[in-house]
Amino acid sequence: MVFRFVAGLLLALSVSLAGIWLEKQTLSLHRELSLQHYQADVLEDWKTQHLLAIRRIRTAHQQEQVLAPVPRRDTQRQLSSRQNGSRQ
């Protein structure tokens, strides 16, 4: 009779300990997954910020090219005549 009681108690204890171990493993995996999601969000934000910075730089460069003063035609002729004259 005592043997059955002790066996039942040990069985209940082992099931409880197994449940606690499984719960700890589940929580550990949830923490790891949450950390990975956080790191992915940080990397995504970093990527977005750098892509926007690159876009701003390209836009500024294109604006500089568009707004750069265009040489006048007579200046171009003078330059080409100087280059042709120096070649002769």
Protein backbone atom coordinates (compact mmCIF):
# COMPACT_ATOMS: atom_id res chain seq x y z
CA MET A 1 0.00 0.00 0.00
CA VAL A 2 2.80 2.41 0.86
CA PHE A 3 4.57 1.38 -2.34
CA ARG A 4 1.60 2.43 -4.49
CA PHE A 5 1.32 5.75 -2.67
CA VAL A 6 5.06 6.49 -3.12
CA ALA A 7 4.89 5.38 -6.79
CA GLY A 8 1.89 7.64 -7.41
CA LEU A 9 3.61 10.53 -5.63
CA LEU A 10 6.80 10.06 -7.67
CA LEU A 11 4.77 9.87 -10.88
CA ALA A 12 2.95 13.11 -10.05
CA LEU A 13 6.24 14.76 -9.10
CA SER A 14 7.96 13.64 -12.31
CA VAL A 15 5.06 14.87 -14.45
CA SER A 16 5.15 18.22 -12.65
CA LEU A 17 8.92 18.54 -13.09
CA ALA A 18 8.63 17.63 -16.78
CA GLY A 19 5.93 20.28 -17.20
CA ILE A 20 8.12 22.89 -15.48
CA TRP A 21 11.09 21.95 -17.69
CA LEU A 22 8.94 22.19 -20.85
CA GLU A 23 7.56 25.56 -19.74
CA LYS A 24 11.09 26.89 -19.17
CA GLN A 25 12.16 25.66 -22.60
CA THR A 26 9.13 27.31 -24.20
CA LEU A 27 9.82 30.62 -22.44
CA SER A 28 13.47 30.47 -23.45
CA LEU A 29 12.50 29.93 -27.09
CA HIS A 30 10.00 32.78 -26.91
CA ARG A 31 12.69 35.09 -25.51
CA GLU A 32 15.12 34.08 -28.25
CA LEU A 33 12.48 34.59 -30.92
CA SER A 34 11.56 38.00 -29.49
CA LEU A 35 15.23 39.02 -29.52
CA GLN A 36 15.56 37.91 -33.14
CA HIS A 37 12.47 39.90 -34.13
CA TYR A 38 13.86 42.95 -32.33
CA GLN A 39 17.22 42.58 -34.08
CA ALA A 40 15.47 42.17 -37.45
CA ASP A 41 13.48 45.37 -36.79
CA VAL A 42 16.67 47.25 -35.87
CA LEU A 43 18.39 46.04 -39.04
CA GLU A 44 15.36 46.97 -41.14
CA ASP A 45 15.33 50.47 -39.65
CA TRP A 46 19.08 50.81 -40.28
CA LYS A 47 18.63 49.67 -43.87
CA THR A 48 15.74 52.08 -44.44
CA GLN A 49 17.68 55.02 -42.99
CA HIS A 50 20.72 54.30 -45.13
CA LEU A 51 18.66 53.84 -48.29
CA LEU A 52 16.97 57.18 -47.62
CA ALA A 53 20.37 58.81 -47.05
CA ILE A 54 21.65 57.38 -50.33
CA ARG A 55 18.52 58.62 -52.11
CA ARG A 56 19.01 62.12 -50.61
CA ILE A 57 22.64 62.17 -51.73
CA ARG A 58 21.72 61.06 -55.26
CA THR A 59 18.95 63.65 -55.46
CA ALA A 60 21.29 66.40 -54.26
CA HIS A 61 23.89 65.32 -56.81
CA GLN A 62 21.32 65.30 -59.61
CA GLN A 63 20.11 68.76 -58.56
CA GLU A 64 23.68 70.04 -58.61
CA GLN A 65 24.10 68.70 -62.13
CA VAL A 66 20.83 70.24 -63.30
CA LEU A 67 21.50 73.59 -61.64
CA ALA A 68 25.14 73.80 -62.71
CA PRO A 69 25.73 76.79 -64.97
CA VAL A 70 25.73 75.82 -68.64
CA PRO A 71 28.67 77.34 -70.55
CA ARG A 72 27.58 79.88 -73.15
CA ARG A 73 28.02 79.06 -76.82
CA ASP A 74 30.62 81.75 -77.44
CA THR A 75 32.59 80.42 -74.47
CA GLN A 76 32.40 76.95 -75.98
CA ARG A 77 33.64 78.31 -79.29
CA GLN A 78 36.50 80.08 -77.57
CA LEU A 79 37.42 76.91 -75.74
CA SER A 80 37.22 74.78 -78.89
CA SER A 81 39.20 77.34 -80.90
CA ARG A 82 41.85 77.42 -78.17
CA GLN A 83 42.05 73.67 -78.19
CA ASN A 84 42.18 73.53 -82.00
CA GLY A 85 44.73 76.33 -82.08
CA SER A 86 46.98 74.64 -79.58
CA ARG A 87 46.83 71.43 -81.60
CA GLN A 88 48.04 73.09 -84.78
